[in-house]
C-alpha atoms as a PDB file:
ATOM      1  CA  UNK A   1      -0.164  -0.132  -0.020  1.00  0.00           C
ATOM      2  CA  UNK A   2       1.322   3.594  -1.123  1.00  0.00           C
ATOM      3  CA  UNK A   3      -0.161   5.746   0.809  1.00  0.00           C
ATOM      4  CA  UNK A   4       1.080   8.404  -0.942  1.00  0.00           C
ATOM      5  CA  UNK A   5       0.032   7.411  -3.982  1.00  0.00           C
ATOM      6  CA  UNK A   6      -3.605   7.136  -2.431  1.00  0.00           C
ATOM      7  CA  UNK A   7      -3.257  10.550  -0.624  1.00  0.00           C
ATOM      8  CA  UNK A   8      -2.432  12.497  -4.105  1.00  0.00           C
ATOM      9  CA  UNK A   9      -5.220   9.963  -5.987  1.00  0.00           C
ATOM     10  CA  UNK A  10      -7.690  11.202  -3.350  1.00  0.00           C
ATOM     11  CA  UNK A  11      -6.345  14.992  -3.257  1.00  0.00           C
ATOM     12  CA  UNK A  12      -6.907  14.646  -7.286  1.00  0.00           C
ATOM     13  CA  UNK A  13     -10.389  13.249  -7.200  1.00  0.00           C
ATOM     14  CA  UNK A  14     -12.295  15.406  -4.794  1.00  0.00           C
ATOM     15  CA  UNK A  15     -10.663  18.457  -6.564  1.00  0.00           C
ATOM     16  CA  UNK A  16     -11.630  17.467  -9.811  1.00  0.00           C
ATOM     17  CA  UNK A  17      -8.180  17.970 -11.102  1.00  0.00           C
ATOM     18  CA  UNK A  18      -6.444  15.603 -13.804  1.00  0.00           C
ATOM     19  CA  UNK A  19      -4.552  12.583 -12.882  1.00  0.00           C
ATOM     20  CA  UNK A  20      -0.893  13.848 -12.814  1.00  0.00           C
ATOM     21  CA  UNK A  21      -1.983  17.356 -11.850  1.00  0.00           C
ATOM     22  CA  UNK A  22       0.147  16.839  -8.245  1.00  0.00           C
ATOM     23  CA  UNK A  23       3.531  16.036  -8.326  1.00  0.00           C
ATOM     24  CA  UNK A  24       4.077  13.013  -6.047  1.00  0.00           C
ATOM     25  CA  UNK A  25       6.832  14.667  -3.844  1.00  0.00           C
ATOM     26  CA  UNK A  26       6.320  14.947  -0.563  1.00  0.00           C
ATOM     27  CA  UNK A  27       7.253  18.835  -0.323  1.00  0.00           C
ATOM     28  CA  UNK A  28       4.810  19.500  -3.228  1.00  0.00           C
ATOM     29  CA  UNK A  29       2.163  22.602  -1.449  1.00  0.00           C
ATOM     30  CA  UNK A  30      -1.301  21.582  -1.519  1.00  0.00           C
ATOM     31  CA  UNK A  31      -3.080  24.566   0.820  1.00  0.00           C
ATOM     32  CA  UNK A  32      -2.999  27.500  -0.696  1.00  0.00           C
ATOM     33  CA  UNK A  33      -1.165  26.299  -4.110  1.00  0.00           C
ATOM     34  CA  UNK A  34      -4.053  24.481  -5.834  1.00  0.00           C
ATOM     35  CA  UNK A  35      -6.868  27.376  -6.250  1.00  0.00           C
ATOM     36  CA  UNK A  36      -9.938  24.507  -5.792  1.00  0.00           C
ATOM     37  CA  UNK A  37      -8.581  23.407  -2.419  1.00  0.00           C
ATOM     38  CA  UNK A  38     -11.488  25.356  -0.387  1.00  0.00           C
ATOM     39  CA  UNK A  39     -13.388  24.165   2.993  1.00  0.00           C
ATOM     40  CA  UNK A  40     -15.695  22.110   1.879  1.00  0.00           C
ATOM     41  CA  UNK A  41     -13.116  20.296  -0.589  1.00  0.00           C
ATOM     42  CA  UNK A  42     -11.246  19.339   3.074  1.00  0.00           C
ATOM     43  CA  UNK A  43     -14.674  17.627   4.465  1.00  0.00           C
ATOM     44  CA  UNK A  44     -14.480  15.934   1.334  1.00  0.00           C
ATOM     45  CA  UNK A  45     -10.466  14.342   1.166  1.00  0.00           C
ATOM     46  CA  UNK A  46     -11.181  13.863   4.502  1.00  0.00           C
ATOM     47  CA  UNK A  47     -14.062  11.572   4.303  1.00  0.00           C
ATOM     48  CA  UNK A  48     -12.814  10.151   1.589  1.00  0.00           C
ATOM     49  CA  UNK A  49      -9.426   9.150   3.717  1.00  0.00           C
ATOM     50  CA  UNK A  50     -12.009   7.570   6.393  1.00  0.00           C
ATOM     51  CA  UNK A  51     -14.185   5.694   4.017  1.00  0.00           C
ATOM     52  CA  UNK A  52     -10.662   4.405   1.753  1.00  0.00           C
ATOM     53  CA  UNK A  53      -8.791   3.387   5.507  1.00  0.00           C
ATOM     54  CA  UNK A  54     -11.259   3.056   7.720  1.00  0.00           C
ATOM     55  CA  UNK A  55     -10.364   5.623  10.371  1.00  0.00           C
ATOM     56  CA  UNK A  56     -12.128   8.457  12.217  1.00  0.00           C
ATOM     57  CA  UNK A  57     -11.044  11.986  12.071  1.00  0.00           C
ATOM     58  CA  UNK A  58     -12.220  14.492  14.953  1.00  0.00           C
ATOM     59  CA  UNK A  59     -12.851  18.239  13.799  1.00  0.00           C
ATOM     60  CA  UNK A  60      -9.577  19.010  16.791  1.00  0.00           C
ATOM     61  CA  UNK A  61      -7.347  16.878  14.784  1.00  0.00           C
ATOM     62  CA  UNK A  62      -7.932  19.300  11.693  1.00  0.00           C
ATOM     63  CA  UNK A  63      -5.443  22.179  11.224  1.00  0.00           C
ATOM     64  CA  UNK A  64      -3.902  23.968   8.060  1.00  0.00           C
ATOM     65  CA  UNK A  65      -0.653  22.355   8.683  1.00  0.00           C
ATOM     66  CA  UNK A  66      -2.033  18.970   8.010  1.00  0.00           C
ATOM     67  CA  UNK A  67      -3.183  20.251   4.304  1.00  0.00           C
ATOM     68  CA  UNK A  68       0.210  22.064   4.211  1.00  0.00           C
ATOM     69  CA  UNK A  69       2.005  19.418   1.867  1.00  0.00           C
ATOM     70  CA  UNK A  70       1.312  15.890   0.137  1.00  0.00           C
ATOM     71  CA  UNK A  71       3.623  15.005   3.074  1.00  0.00           C
ATOM     72  CA  UNK A  72       2.137  16.494   5.696  1.00  0.00           C
ATOM     73  CA  UNK A  73      -1.498  14.713   4.139  1.00  0.00           C
ATOM     74  CA  UNK A  74       0.252  11.016   3.982  1.00  0.00           C
ATOM     75  CA  UNK A  75       1.851  11.647   7.207  1.00  0.00           C
ATOM     76  CA  UNK A  76      -1.344  12.187   8.934  1.00  0.00           C
ATOM     77  CA  UNK A  77      -3.038   9.292   7.282  1.00  0.00           C
ATOM     78  CA  UNK A  78      -0.077   6.988   8.202  1.00  0.00           C
ATOM     79  CA  UNK A  79      -0.164   8.436  12.051  1.00  0.00           C
ATOM     80  CA  UNK A  80      -4.168   7.549  11.925  1.00  0.00           C
ATOM     81  CA  UNK A  81      -3.478   3.689  10.949  1.00  0.00           C
ATOM     82  CA  UNK A  82      -1.046   3.028  13.544  1.00  0.00           C
END
């Protein structure tokens, strides 16, 4: 299971952007760098993570830092799987 690839696929799907639009690198910026990213898309992305991985994300766990980069999102999902 490649979580980074899954995170990118979920981002692209939820944001309605084409495959390959997000570079597969941990330092690729997300929040503030992708015009389609808004508060509603954050909710959709989190719901997709919960569905795909069977995790639960509480409101108080969400911050801009988690959505800063592909790497920070990947690390967040990995931490929820432990």
